[in-house]
């Protein structure tokens, strides 16, 4: 009897060993495929038009869902907008790809403005491509807080279409009513509009949030791996995230000073 059990145990152990080996081999193949993808992206400097690039062919050989984060990181970090376009062309049903593409174009427009290498019309065209990509993502997933926030930023800070920006931010708050960054964005928008009473109300709302809640929201807004939102207003909050109350009180104080000055004038 003992011998029978030992034989059965040995058989099971052998099967488990084989399965572990197969899993290890599969992971090794995927790692090699990702390394190959990275090399192809670095070497890709061609205009492809509608021809499928070697990068896209390489992605199709990888476990797309499991390694999506690694895939988009590699392409986003390359700054190759042509490959970003192909990513949404060949994987059109994944809303995440449109978000990453929008981020890539928005980052590119910021770099253009910073360096001043292109005309204003070129920067505007790049921002418009970012906006269109975000809108497509919202069409596929209309409850994505990240997209609503970034679109609100584009409409409010770049297009100066404040009504549209407010609509987007408020839609985000309907989904996530405790999102401090949306309140901050609304506060800053009304601050720029010199609607100081409304701005202060939004700023004061943020003071009710704990540091943990603010930190959690940073993690949510950075869910798309490459952390585009390290730019924009988040860089200011991140510097002060250990003392959010002091930071926000300072903003309120500055707004009150502006309000007092406007009344005096």
C-alpha atoms as a PDB file:
ATOM      1  CA  UNK A   1       0.000   0.000   0.000  1.00  0.00           C
ATOM      2  CA  UNK A   2       2.761   2.432   0.961  1.00  0.00           C
ATOM      3  CA  UNK A   3       4.540   1.627  -2.252  1.00  0.00           C
ATOM      4  CA  UNK A   4       1.372   2.430  -4.215  1.00  0.00           C
ATOM      5  CA  UNK A   5       1.014   5.807  -2.467  1.00  0.00           C
ATOM      6  CA  UNK A   6       4.686   6.568  -3.092  1.00  0.00           C
ATOM      7  CA  UNK A   7       4.246   5.786  -6.756  1.00  0.00           C
ATOM      8  CA  UNK A   8       1.165   8.030  -6.959  1.00  0.00           C
ATOM      9  CA  UNK A   9       2.980  10.812  -5.118  1.00  0.00           C
ATOM     10  CA  UNK A  10       5.920  10.469  -7.472  1.00  0.00           C
ATOM     11  CA  UNK A  11       3.604  10.733 -10.475  1.00  0.00           C
ATOM     12  CA  UNK A  12       1.923  13.876  -9.114  1.00  0.00           C
ATOM     13  CA  UNK A  13       5.276  15.430  -8.244  1.00  0.00           C
ATOM     14  CA  UNK A  14       6.487  14.715 -11.758  1.00  0.00           C
ATOM     15  CA  UNK A  15       3.442  16.355 -13.312  1.00  0.00           C
ATOM     16  CA  UNK A  16       3.863  19.439 -11.097  1.00  0.00           C
ATOM     17  CA  UNK A  17       7.532  19.667 -12.045  1.00  0.00           C
ATOM     18  CA  UNK A  18       6.640  19.521 -15.732  1.00  0.00           C
ATOM     19  CA  UNK A  19       3.976  22.220 -15.318  1.00  0.00           C
ATOM     20  CA  UNK A  20       6.393  24.508 -13.471  1.00  0.00           C
ATOM     21  CA  UNK A  21       8.959  23.976 -16.202  1.00  0.00           C
ATOM     22  CA  UNK A  22       6.418  24.798 -18.898  1.00  0.00           C
ATOM     23  CA  UNK A  23       5.358  27.982 -17.070  1.00  0.00           C
ATOM     24  CA  UNK A  24       8.998  28.973 -16.680  1.00  0.00           C
ATOM     25  CA  UNK A  25       9.640  28.397 -20.380  1.00  0.00           C
ATOM     26  CA  UNK A  26       6.571  30.449 -21.307  1.00  0.00           C
ATOM     27  CA  UNK A  27       7.700  33.333 -19.111  1.00  0.00           C
ATOM     28  CA  UNK A  28      11.173  33.146 -20.612  1.00  0.00           C
ATOM     29  CA  UNK A  29       9.700  33.320 -24.125  1.00  0.00           C
ATOM     30  CA  UNK A  30       7.604  36.329 -23.175  1.00  0.00           C
ATOM     31  CA  UNK A  31      10.628  38.074 -21.648  1.00  0.00           C
ATOM     32  CA  UNK A  32      12.603  37.454 -24.824  1.00  0.00           C
ATOM     33  CA  UNK A  33       9.690  38.743 -26.895  1.00  0.00           C
ATOM     34  CA  UNK A  34       9.536  41.940 -24.801  1.00  0.00           C
ATOM     35  CA  UNK A  35      13.295  42.416 -25.176  1.00  0.00           C
ATOM     36  CA  UNK A  36      12.921  41.972 -28.919  1.00  0.00           C
ATOM     37  CA  UNK A  37      10.069  44.480 -28.933  1.00  0.00           C
ATOM     38  CA  UNK A  38      12.239  47.024 -27.133  1.00  0.00           C
ATOM     39  CA  UNK A  39      15.026  46.599 -29.700  1.00  0.00           C
ATOM     40  CA  UNK A  40      12.589  46.940 -32.585  1.00  0.00           C
ATOM     41  CA  UNK A  41      11.112  50.126 -31.111  1.00  0.00           C
ATOM     42  CA  UNK A  42      14.566  51.643 -30.660  1.00  0.00           C
ATOM     43  CA  UNK A  43      15.498  50.765 -34.239  1.00  0.00           C
ATOM     44  CA  UNK A  44      12.209  51.981 -35.724  1.00  0.00           C
ATOM     45  CA  UNK A  45      12.733  55.289 -37.496  1.00  0.00           C
ATOM     46  CA  UNK A  46      10.699  54.679 -40.627  1.00  0.00           C
ATOM     47  CA  UNK A  47       7.411  56.132 -41.835  1.00  0.00           C
ATOM     48  CA  UNK A  48       5.069  53.186 -42.173  1.00  0.00           C
ATOM     49  CA  UNK A  49       1.893  54.727 -43.524  1.00  0.00           C
ATOM     50  CA  UNK A  50      -0.631  51.899 -43.483  1.00  0.00           C
ATOM     51  CA  UNK A  51       1.980  49.154 -43.640  1.00  0.00           C
ATOM     52  CA  UNK A  52       2.218  47.078 -40.499  1.00  0.00           C
ATOM     53  CA  UNK A  53       5.506  47.717 -38.713  1.00  0.00           C
ATOM     54  CA  UNK A  54       7.740  45.011 -37.282  1.00  0.00           C
ATOM     55  CA  UNK A  55       6.873  46.414 -33.847  1.00  0.00           C
ATOM     56  CA  UNK A  56       3.167  45.616 -34.260  1.00  0.00           C
ATOM     57  CA  UNK A  57       3.993  42.154 -35.605  1.00  0.00           C
ATOM     58  CA  UNK A  58       6.147  41.608 -32.530  1.00  0.00           C
ATOM     59  CA  UNK A  59       3.334  42.696 -30.194  1.00  0.00           C
ATOM     60  CA  UNK A  60       1.022  40.158 -31.796  1.00  0.00           C
ATOM     61  CA  UNK A  61       3.423  37.407 -30.692  1.00  0.00           C
ATOM     62  CA  UNK A  62       3.252  38.521 -27.038  1.00  0.00           C
ATOM     63  CA  UNK A  63       0.564  37.805 -24.425  1.00  0.00           C
ATOM     64  CA  UNK A  64      -1.041  41.190 -25.033  1.00  0.00           C
ATOM     65  CA  UNK A  65      -3.357  41.386 -22.020  1.00  0.00           C
ATOM     66  CA  UNK A  66      -0.826  40.116 -19.523  1.00  0.00           C
ATOM     67  CA  UNK A  67       1.993  42.355 -20.714  1.00  0.00           C
ATOM     68  CA  UNK A  68       0.029  45.379 -21.847  1.00  0.00           C
ATOM     69  CA  UNK A  69       1.710  47.638 -19.271  1.00  0.00           C
ATOM     70  CA  UNK A  70       5.180  46.678 -20.458  1.00  0.00           C
ATOM     71  CA  UNK A  71       4.184  47.036 -24.119  1.00  0.00           C
ATOM     72  CA  UNK A  72       2.787  50.560 -23.810  1.00  0.00           C
ATOM     73  CA  UNK A  73       5.672  51.625 -21.582  1.00  0.00           C
ATOM     74  CA  UNK A  74       8.188  50.642 -24.253  1.00  0.00           C
ATOM     75  CA  UNK A  75       6.349  52.467 -27.024  1.00  0.00           C
ATOM     76  CA  UNK A  76       5.453  55.546 -24.949  1.00  0.00           C
ATOM     77  CA  UNK A  77       9.001  55.995 -23.677  1.00  0.00           C
ATOM     78  CA  UNK A  78      10.319  55.919 -27.254  1.00  0.00           C
ATOM     79  CA  UNK A  79       8.316  59.040 -28.136  1.00  0.00           C
ATOM     80  CA  UNK A  80       7.495  57.482 -31.521  1.00  0.00           C
ATOM     81  CA  UNK A  81       4.053  58.894 -32.380  1.00  0.00           C
ATOM     82  CA  UNK A  82       3.849  56.809 -35.550  1.00  0.00           C
ATOM     83  CA  UNK A  83       4.003  53.627 -33.478  1.00  0.00           C
ATOM     84  CA  UNK A  84       1.375  55.025 -31.104  1.00  0.00           C
ATOM     85  CA  UNK A  85      -0.897  55.567 -34.104  1.00  0.00           C
ATOM     86  CA  UNK A  86      -0.322  51.997 -35.224  1.00  0.00           C
ATOM     87  CA  UNK A  87      -1.040  50.675 -31.741  1.00  0.00           C
ATOM     88  CA  UNK A  88      -4.591  52.067 -31.835  1.00  0.00           C
ATOM     89  CA  UNK A  89      -4.989  51.087 -35.482  1.00  0.00           C
ATOM     90  CA  UNK A  90      -4.247  47.415 -34.872  1.00  0.00           C
ATOM     91  CA  UNK A  91      -5.772  47.210 -31.368  1.00  0.00           C
ATOM     92  CA  UNK A  92      -8.755  49.553 -31.822  1.00  0.00           C
ATOM     93  CA  UNK A  93     -11.061  48.134 -29.161  1.00  0.00           C
ATOM     94  CA  UNK A  94      -8.755  48.786 -26.189  1.00  0.00           C
ATOM     95  CA  UNK A  95      -9.606  52.176 -24.678  1.00  0.00           C
ATOM     96  CA  UNK A  96      -6.303  52.181 -22.771  1.00  0.00           C
ATOM     97  CA  UNK A  97      -4.356  52.513 -26.010  1.00  0.00           C
ATOM     98  CA  UNK A  98      -6.227  55.684 -26.948  1.00  0.00           C
ATOM     99  CA  UNK A  99      -5.392  57.121 -23.534  1.00  0.00           C
ATOM    100  CA  UNK A 100      -1.697  56.340 -23.916  1.00  0.00           C
ATOM    101  CA  UNK A 101      -1.757  57.755 -27.453  1.00  0.00           C
ATOM    102  CA  UNK A 102      -3.418  60.920 -26.177  1.00  0.00           C
ATOM    103  CA  UNK A 103      -0.782  61.213 -23.461  1.00  0.00           C
ATOM    104  CA  UNK A 104       1.988  60.778 -26.021  1.00  0.00           C
ATOM    105  CA  UNK A 105       0.637  63.582 -28.212  1.00  0.00           C
ATOM    106  CA  UNK A 106      -0.019  65.855 -25.234  1.00  0.00           C
ATOM    107  CA  UNK A 107       3.503  65.296 -23.925  1.00  0.00           C
ATOM    108  CA  UNK A 108       4.862  66.033 -27.389  1.00  0.00           C
ATOM    109  CA  UNK A 109       2.943  69.327 -27.540  1.00  0.00           C
ATOM    110  CA  UNK A 110       4.329  70.338 -24.144  1.00  0.00           C
ATOM    111  CA  UNK A 111       7.863  69.607 -25.316  1.00  0.00           C
ATOM    112  CA  UNK A 112       7.268  71.675 -28.471  1.00  0.00           C
ATOM    113  CA  UNK A 113       6.107  74.610 -26.373  1.00  0.00           C
ATOM    114  CA  UNK A 114       8.991  74.238 -23.945  1.00  0.00           C
ATOM    115  CA  UNK A 115      11.645  74.130 -26.629  1.00  0.00           C
ATOM    116  CA  UNK A 116       9.834  76.514 -28.991  1.00  0.00           C
ATOM    117  CA  UNK A 117      10.882  74.523 -32.028  1.00  0.00           C
ATOM    118  CA  UNK A 118       7.636  74.653 -34.006  1.00  0.00           C
ATOM    119  CA  UNK A 119       4.964  77.175 -34.890  1.00  0.00           C
ATOM    120  CA  UNK A 120       1.909  77.616 -32.700  1.00  0.00           C
ATOM    121  CA  UNK A 121      -0.283  75.986 -35.356  1.00  0.00           C
ATOM    122  CA  UNK A 122       1.783  72.800 -35.125  1.00  0.00           C
ATOM    123  CA  UNK A 123       1.431  72.704 -31.331  1.00  0.00           C
ATOM    124  CA  UNK A 124      -2.329  73.227 -31.654  1.00  0.00           C
ATOM    125  CA  UNK A 125      -2.587  70.383 -34.172  1.00  0.00           C
ATOM    126  CA  UNK A 126      -0.737  68.066 -31.797  1.00  0.00           C
ATOM    127  CA  UNK A 127      -3.022  69.011 -28.894  1.00  0.00           C
ATOM    128  CA  UNK A 128      -6.049  68.404 -31.113  1.00  0.00           C
ATOM    129  CA  UNK A 129      -4.792  64.886 -31.884  1.00  0.00           C
ATOM    130  CA  UNK A 130      -4.394  64.261 -28.162  1.00  0.00           C
ATOM    131  CA  UNK A 131      -7.924  65.510 -27.522  1.00  0.00           C
ATOM    132  CA  UNK A 132      -9.393  63.327 -30.286  1.00  0.00           C
ATOM    133  CA  UNK A 133      -7.638  60.279 -28.857  1.00  0.00           C
ATOM    134  CA  UNK A 134      -8.972  60.948 -25.362  1.00  0.00           C
ATOM    135  CA  UNK A 135     -12.476  61.443 -26.751  1.00  0.00           C
ATOM    136  CA  UNK A 136     -12.267  58.055 -28.469  1.00  0.00           C
ATOM    137  CA  UNK A 137     -11.172  56.491 -25.167  1.00  0.00           C
ATOM    138  CA  UNK A 138     -14.160  58.131 -23.471  1.00  0.00           C
ATOM    139  CA  UNK A 139     -16.427  56.729 -26.165  1.00  0.00           C
ATOM    140  CA  UNK A 140     -15.187  53.237 -25.310  1.00  0.00           C
ATOM    141  CA  UNK A 141     -15.229  53.809 -21.537  1.00  0.00           C
ATOM    142  CA  UNK A 142     -17.241  56.825 -20.377  1.00  0.00           C
ATOM    143  CA  UNK A 143     -16.427  56.325 -16.699  1.00  0.00           C
ATOM    144  CA  UNK A 144     -12.678  56.802 -16.813  1.00  0.00           C
ATOM    145  CA  UNK A 145     -11.703  59.525 -14.313  1.00  0.00           C
ATOM    146  CA  UNK A 146      -8.253  59.987 -15.811  1.00  0.00           C
ATOM    147  CA  UNK A 147      -9.642  60.815 -19.246  1.00  0.00           C
ATOM    148  CA  UNK A 148     -12.275  63.174 -17.857  1.00  0.00           C
ATOM    149  CA  UNK A 149      -9.599  64.986 -15.855  1.00  0.00           C
ATOM    150  CA  UNK A 150      -7.139  65.373 -18.729  1.00  0.00           C
ATOM    151  CA  UNK A 151      -9.860  66.459 -21.158  1.00  0.00           C
ATOM    152  CA  UNK A 152     -10.999  69.000 -18.586  1.00  0.00           C
ATOM    153  CA  UNK A 153      -7.431  70.277 -18.437  1.00  0.00           C
ATOM    154  CA  UNK A 154      -7.254  70.588 -22.232  1.00  0.00           C
ATOM    155  CA  UNK A 155     -10.563  72.419 -22.548  1.00  0.00           C
ATOM    156  CA  UNK A 156      -9.940  74.679 -19.551  1.00  0.00           C
ATOM    157  CA  UNK A 157      -6.207  75.421 -19.746  1.00  0.00           C
ATOM    158  CA  UNK A 158      -5.557  75.219 -23.475  1.00  0.00           C
ATOM    159  CA  UNK A 159      -8.815  75.878 -25.326  1.00  0.00           C
ATOM    160  CA  UNK A 160     -10.189  78.248 -22.649  1.00  0.00           C
ATOM    161  CA  UNK A 161     -13.597  76.607 -23.088  1.00  0.00           C
ATOM    162  CA  UNK A 162     -14.460  76.801 -19.410  1.00  0.00           C
ATOM    163  CA  UNK A 163     -18.054  75.574 -19.660  1.00  0.00           C
ATOM    164  CA  UNK A 164     -16.935  72.374 -21.395  1.00  0.00           C
ATOM    165  CA  UNK A 165     -14.112  71.901 -18.877  1.00  0.00           C
ATOM    166  CA  UNK A 166     -16.500  72.343 -15.949  1.00  0.00           C
ATOM    167  CA  UNK A 167     -18.885  69.814 -17.503  1.00  0.00           C
ATOM    168  CA  UNK A 168     -16.090  67.234 -17.782  1.00  0.00           C
ATOM    169  CA  UNK A 169     -14.805  67.800 -14.241  1.00  0.00           C
ATOM    170  CA  UNK A 170     -18.325  67.578 -12.805  1.00  0.00           C
ATOM    171  CA  UNK A 171     -18.994  64.381 -14.731  1.00  0.00           C
ATOM    172  CA  UNK A 172     -15.880  62.982 -13.088  1.00  0.00           C
ATOM    173  CA  UNK A 173     -17.174  64.021  -9.659  1.00  0.00           C
ATOM    174  CA  UNK A 174     -20.468  62.246 -10.345  1.00  0.00           C
ATOM    175  CA  UNK A 175     -18.444  59.047 -10.707  1.00  0.00           C
ATOM    176  CA  UNK A 176     -15.864  59.776  -7.995  1.00  0.00           C
ATOM    177  CA  UNK A 177     -17.296  62.402  -5.606  1.00  0.00           C
ATOM    178  CA  UNK A 178     -14.276  62.201  -3.286  1.00  0.00           C
ATOM    179  CA  UNK A 179     -11.653  62.921  -5.929  1.00  0.00           C
ATOM    180  CA  UNK A 180      -9.520  65.825  -4.575  1.00  0.00           C
ATOM    181  CA  UNK A 181      -7.735  66.499  -7.862  1.00  0.00           C
ATOM    182  CA  UNK A 182     -10.975  67.248  -9.680  1.00  0.00           C
ATOM    183  CA  UNK A 183     -11.881  69.775  -6.989  1.00  0.00           C
ATOM    184  CA  UNK A 184      -8.404  71.252  -7.290  1.00  0.00           C
ATOM    185  CA  UNK A 185      -8.754  71.537 -11.073  1.00  0.00           C
ATOM    186  CA  UNK A 186     -12.118  73.286 -10.711  1.00  0.00           C
ATOM    187  CA  UNK A 187     -10.704  75.614  -8.073  1.00  0.00           C
ATOM    188  CA  UNK A 188      -7.792  76.607 -10.258  1.00  0.00           C
ATOM    189  CA  UNK A 189     -10.026  77.109 -13.287  1.00  0.00           C
ATOM    190  CA  UNK A 190     -12.337  79.492 -11.434  1.00  0.00           C
ATOM    191  CA  UNK A 191      -9.267  81.173  -9.947  1.00  0.00           C
ATOM    192  CA  UNK A 192      -8.044  81.957 -13.482  1.00  0.00           C
ATOM    193  CA  UNK A 193     -11.527  83.236 -14.323  1.00  0.00           C
ATOM    194  CA  UNK A 194     -11.300  85.548 -11.269  1.00  0.00           C
ATOM    195  CA  UNK A 195     -14.363  83.861  -9.762  1.00  0.00           C
ATOM    196  CA  UNK A 196     -12.595  83.779  -6.414  1.00  0.00           C
ATOM    197  CA  UNK A 197     -15.562  82.898  -4.183  1.00  0.00           C
ATOM    198  CA  UNK A 198     -16.269  79.774  -6.238  1.00  0.00           C
ATOM    199  CA  UNK A 199     -12.557  78.921  -6.407  1.00  0.00           C
ATOM    200  CA  UNK A 200     -12.163  79.176  -2.621  1.00  0.00           C
ATOM    201  CA  UNK A 201     -15.169  76.887  -2.086  1.00  0.00           C
ATOM    202  CA  UNK A 202     -13.502  74.197  -4.181  1.00  0.00           C
ATOM    203  CA  UNK A 203     -10.168  74.688  -2.412  1.00  0.00           C
ATOM    204  CA  UNK A 204     -11.837  74.437   0.993  1.00  0.00           C
ATOM    205  CA  UNK A 205     -13.498  71.185  -0.048  1.00  0.00           C
ATOM    206  CA  UNK A 206     -10.056  69.678  -0.614  1.00  0.00           C
ATOM    207  CA  UNK A 207      -9.038  70.517   2.957  1.00  0.00           C
ATOM    208  CA  UNK A 208     -11.562  67.936   4.135  1.00  0.00           C
ATOM    209  CA  UNK A 209      -9.552  65.139   2.516  1.00  0.00           C
ATOM    210  CA  UNK A 210      -6.878  63.286   4.447  1.00  0.00           C
ATOM    211  CA  UNK A 211      -3.331  62.861   3.215  1.00  0.00           C
ATOM    212  CA  UNK A 212      -4.036  59.174   2.569  1.00  0.00           C
ATOM    213  CA  UNK A 213      -6.949  60.078   0.299  1.00  0.00           C
ATOM    214  CA  UNK A 214      -4.790  62.515  -1.666  1.00  0.00           C
ATOM    215  CA  UNK A 215      -2.050  59.889  -1.990  1.00  0.00           C
ATOM    216  CA  UNK A 216      -4.553  57.285  -3.155  1.00  0.00           C
ATOM    217  CA  UNK A 217      -5.771  59.639  -5.836  1.00  0.00           C
ATOM    218  CA  UNK A 218      -2.237  60.139  -7.109  1.00  0.00           C
ATOM    219  CA  UNK A 219      -1.970  56.397  -7.544  1.00  0.00           C
ATOM    220  CA  UNK A 220      -5.248  56.336  -9.464  1.00  0.00           C
ATOM    221  CA  UNK A 221      -4.307  59.199 -11.758  1.00  0.00           C
ATOM    222  CA  UNK A 222      -0.987  57.491 -12.510  1.00  0.00           C
ATOM    223  CA  UNK A 223      -2.570  54.205 -13.464  1.00  0.00           C
ATOM    224  CA  UNK A 224      -1.373  54.436 -17.053  1.00  0.00           C
ATOM    225  CA  UNK A 225       2.180  53.585 -16.131  1.00  0.00           C
ATOM    226  CA  UNK A 226       4.205  56.333 -17.794  1.00  0.00           C
ATOM    227  CA  UNK A 227       2.893  59.013 -15.401  1.00  0.00           C
ATOM    228  CA  UNK A 228       2.228  61.863 -17.801  1.00  0.00           C
ATOM    229  CA  UNK A 229       0.489  63.607 -14.923  1.00  0.00           C
ATOM    230  CA  UNK A 230       3.833  64.195 -13.228  1.00  0.00           C
ATOM    231  CA  UNK A 231       3.566  67.270 -15.428  1.00  0.00           C
ATOM    232  CA  UNK A 232       0.750  69.792 -15.046  1.00  0.00           C
ATOM    233  CA  UNK A 233      -0.592  70.681 -11.602  1.00  0.00           C
ATOM    234  CA  UNK A 234       0.271  67.341 -10.013  1.00  0.00           C
ATOM    235  CA  UNK A 235       3.934  68.242  -9.850  1.00  0.00           C
ATOM    236  CA  UNK A 236       2.986  71.077  -7.501  1.00  0.00           C
ATOM    237  CA  UNK A 237       0.891  68.851  -5.292  1.00  0.00           C
ATOM    238  CA  UNK A 238       3.522  66.128  -5.241  1.00  0.00           C
ATOM    239  CA  UNK A 239       6.098  68.530  -3.852  1.00  0.00           C
ATOM    240  CA  UNK A 240       3.720  69.299  -1.014  1.00  0.00           C
ATOM    241  CA  UNK A 241       1.871  66.009  -0.635  1.00  0.00           C
ATOM    242  CA  UNK A 242       3.108  65.562   2.944  1.00  0.00           C
ATOM    243  CA  UNK A 243       1.489  68.876   3.874  1.00  0.00           C
ATOM    244  CA  UNK A 244      -1.518  69.248   1.570  1.00  0.00           C
ATOM    245  CA  UNK A 245      -3.415  71.422   4.045  1.00  0.00           C
ATOM    246  CA  UNK A 246      -0.624  74.031   4.212  1.00  0.00           C
ATOM    247  CA  UNK A 247      -0.309  74.068   0.429  1.00  0.00           C
ATOM    248  CA  UNK A 248      -4.016  74.515  -0.179  1.00  0.00           C
ATOM    249  CA  UNK A 249      -4.357  77.147   2.542  1.00  0.00           C
ATOM    250  CA  UNK A 250      -1.637  79.128   0.806  1.00  0.00           C
ATOM    251  CA  UNK A 251      -3.570  78.938  -2.470  1.00  0.00           C
ATOM    252  CA  UNK A 252      -6.722  80.144  -0.700  1.00  0.00           C
ATOM    253  CA  UNK A 253      -4.768  82.994   0.871  1.00  0.00           C
ATOM    254  CA  UNK A 254      -3.455  84.079  -2.512  1.00  0.00           C
ATOM    255  CA  UNK A 255      -6.969  83.977  -3.990  1.00  0.00           C
ATOM    256  CA  UNK A 256      -8.342  86.077  -1.123  1.00  0.00           C
ATOM    257  CA  UNK A 257      -5.569  88.644  -1.692  1.00  0.00           C
ATOM    258  CA  UNK A 258      -6.472  88.809  -5.381  1.00  0.00           C
ATOM    259  CA  UNK A 259     -10.143  89.255  -4.481  1.00  0.00           C
ATOM    260  CA  UNK A 260      -9.341  92.085  -2.045  1.00  0.00           C
ATOM    261  CA  UNK A 261      -7.176  93.794  -4.663  1.00  0.00           C
ATOM    262  CA  UNK A 262      -9.895  93.556  -7.336  1.00  0.00           C
ATOM    263  CA  UNK A 263     -12.490  95.089  -5.012  1.00  0.00           C
ATOM    264  CA  UNK A 264     -10.093  97.905  -4.093  1.00  0.00           C
ATOM    265  CA  UNK A 265      -9.452  98.697  -7.743  1.00  0.00           C
END
